[in-house]
Amino acid sequence: MTELQRQILVVDDEFIIVLGLIDQVEEMGLTVCGSASTADEAIALAREHRPMVVLMDMRLDGTKDGVDAALIIHEEIGSKVIFITGSQEPDSLARIHSDHPHAILFKPVSNRRLCDTITAAMQMSDV
């Protein structure tokens, strides 16, 4: 497996949330390699850029959800996946946990919480 890039991929189907997450990540001095609103787009971007961290929403446009994308990205690339979701239903959380996520954050996410979680994920990836 080739080395992961110190980049962040943002995956969410709500444009305003994508913009907010990109701003937060860039304020940390990190690079956003792209954004996606579907699982297929997320997988393609992850394969292309090999990001160290993926910020992933559970519900996405299309027939696949964030867990479908995260399972493939984690298996093929090894990126740390941080789920950022508004969904707290037990079935949804059980699906998220099936992927062994680095973390689950619930919307709205504070800048500090997001920063701390991304930093921890990147430090683990550097080991």
Protein backbone atom coordinates (compact mmCIF):
# COMPACT_ATOMS: atom_id res chain seq x y z
CA MET A 1 0.00 0.00 0.00
CA THR A 2 1.42 3.38 -0.96
CA GLU A 3 1.74 6.18 1.54
CA LEU A 4 -1.28 8.27 2.47
CA GLN A 5 -1.21 11.98 1.68
CA ARG A 6 -1.64 14.58 4.44
CA GLN A 7 -4.96 15.62 2.96
CA ILE A 8 -8.62 15.56 3.94
CA LEU A 9 -11.52 14.37 1.78
CA VAL A 10 -14.93 15.85 2.66
CA VAL A 11 -18.03 13.75 1.85
CA ASP A 12 -21.50 15.20 2.46
CA ASP A 13 -24.53 15.77 0.25
CA GLU A 14 -25.34 19.18 1.78
CA PHE A 15 -23.32 21.87 0.02
CA ILE A 16 -23.42 24.34 2.92
CA ILE A 17 -22.02 21.70 5.29
CA VAL A 18 -19.26 20.85 2.80
CA LEU A 19 -18.27 24.53 2.62
CA GLY A 20 -18.22 24.81 6.42
CA LEU A 21 -16.09 21.69 6.84
CA ILE A 22 -13.66 22.82 4.14
CA ASP A 23 -13.29 26.19 5.90
CA GLN A 24 -12.66 24.48 9.23
CA VAL A 25 -10.07 22.11 7.76
CA GLU A 26 -8.26 24.87 5.89
CA GLU A 27 -8.19 27.02 9.05
CA MET A 28 -6.21 24.14 10.60
CA GLY A 29 -3.62 24.59 7.85
CA LEU A 30 -4.55 21.31 6.18
CA THR A 31 -5.31 20.59 2.54
CA VAL A 32 -8.71 19.45 1.30
CA CYS A 33 -8.14 17.21 -1.72
CA GLY A 34 -11.79 17.32 -2.77
CA SER A 35 -15.41 16.91 -1.83
CA ALA A 36 -18.08 14.43 -2.87
CA SER A 37 -21.82 14.10 -2.45
CA THR A 38 -22.12 10.42 -3.42
CA ALA A 39 -20.39 7.24 -2.30
CA ASP A 40 -19.06 6.57 -5.81
CA GLU A 41 -17.54 10.06 -6.06
CA ALA A 42 -15.98 9.64 -2.61
CA ILE A 43 -14.41 6.30 -3.54
CA ALA A 44 -13.03 7.69 -6.81
CA LEU A 45 -11.51 10.74 -5.09
CA ALA A 46 -10.04 8.59 -2.32
CA ARG A 47 -8.43 6.29 -4.87
CA GLU A 48 -7.00 9.27 -6.73
CA HIS A 49 -5.74 11.35 -3.77
CA ARG A 50 -5.18 8.74 -1.01
CA PRO A 51 -6.20 11.12 1.81
CA MET A 52 -5.06 10.46 5.35
CA VAL A 53 -8.52 11.37 6.71
CA VAL A 54 -12.03 11.27 5.28
CA LEU A 55 -14.85 13.30 6.86
CA MET A 56 -17.90 11.20 5.98
CA ASP A 57 -21.63 11.82 6.30
CA MET A 58 -23.89 8.79 6.74
CA ARG A 59 -26.59 9.82 4.28
CA LEU A 60 -25.46 10.67 0.76
CA ASP A 61 -27.02 11.24 -2.64
CA GLY A 62 -27.48 8.07 -4.68
CA THR A 63 -28.16 4.48 -3.74
CA LYS A 64 -25.12 3.95 -1.50
CA ASP A 65 -24.53 5.59 1.85
CA GLY A 66 -21.46 6.78 3.72
CA VAL A 67 -20.84 3.39 5.29
CA ASP A 68 -20.73 1.74 1.87
CA ALA A 69 -18.10 4.27 0.78
CA ALA A 70 -16.17 4.10 4.06
CA LEU A 71 -15.87 0.31 3.96
CA ILE A 72 -14.28 0.41 0.51
CA ILE A 73 -12.06 3.42 1.29
CA HIS A 74 -10.85 1.90 4.54
CA GLU A 75 -10.14 -1.47 2.94
CA GLU A 76 -8.47 -0.21 -0.26
CA ILE A 77 -6.72 2.95 0.90
CA GLY A 78 -6.47 2.76 4.68
CA SER A 79 -7.70 6.30 5.32
CA LYS A 80 -9.03 7.12 8.79
CA VAL A 81 -12.77 7.76 8.48
CA ILE A 82 -14.45 10.26 10.77
CA PHE A 83 -18.22 10.11 10.47
CA ILE A 84 -19.97 13.44 10.84
CA THR A 85 -23.68 12.78 10.98
CA GLY A 86 -26.96 14.11 12.23
CA SER A 87 -28.32 10.58 12.51
CA GLN A 88 -28.45 9.03 15.96
CA GLU A 89 -30.82 6.13 15.20
CA PRO A 90 -29.53 2.82 16.59
CA ASP A 91 -29.62 1.10 13.18
CA SER A 92 -27.58 3.89 11.58
CA LEU A 93 -25.04 3.89 14.41
CA ALA A 94 -24.73 0.10 14.19
CA ARG A 95 -23.95 0.40 10.46
CA ILE A 96 -21.36 3.10 11.14
CA HIS A 97 -19.70 0.94 13.80
CA SER A 98 -19.46 -1.96 11.32
CA ASP A 99 -16.74 0.06 9.56
CA HIS A 100 -14.56 0.60 12.66
CA PRO A 101 -14.60 4.39 12.28
CA HIS A 102 -11.87 6.49 13.82
CA ALA A 103 -14.60 8.65 15.37
CA ILE A 104 -18.25 9.62 15.14
CA LEU A 105 -19.15 13.29 15.53
CA PHE A 106 -22.72 14.53 15.64
CA LYS A 107 -23.83 17.66 13.79
CA PRO A 108 -23.36 20.46 14.53
CA VAL A 109 -19.65 19.93 15.23
CA SER A 110 -17.62 22.54 17.06
CA ASN A 111 -14.36 23.73 15.50
CA ARG A 112 -12.39 22.51 18.51
CA ARG A 113 -13.92 19.01 18.49
CA LEU A 114 -13.34 18.65 14.76
CA CYS A 115 -9.76 19.92 15.04
CA ASP A 116 -8.94 17.58 17.93
CA THR A 117 -10.44 14.57 16.15
CA ILE A 118 -8.65 15.24 12.85
CA THR A 119 -5.37 15.84 14.66
CA ALA A 120 -5.67 12.54 16.54
CA ALA A 121 -6.50 10.65 13.32
CA MET A 122 -3.53 12.15 11.48
CA GLN A 123 -1.16 11.36 14.35
CA MET A 124 -2.33 7.73 14.29
CA SER A 125 -1.76 7.59 10.53
CA ASP A 126 1.80 8.90 10.94
CA VAL A 127 2.78 6.04 13.24
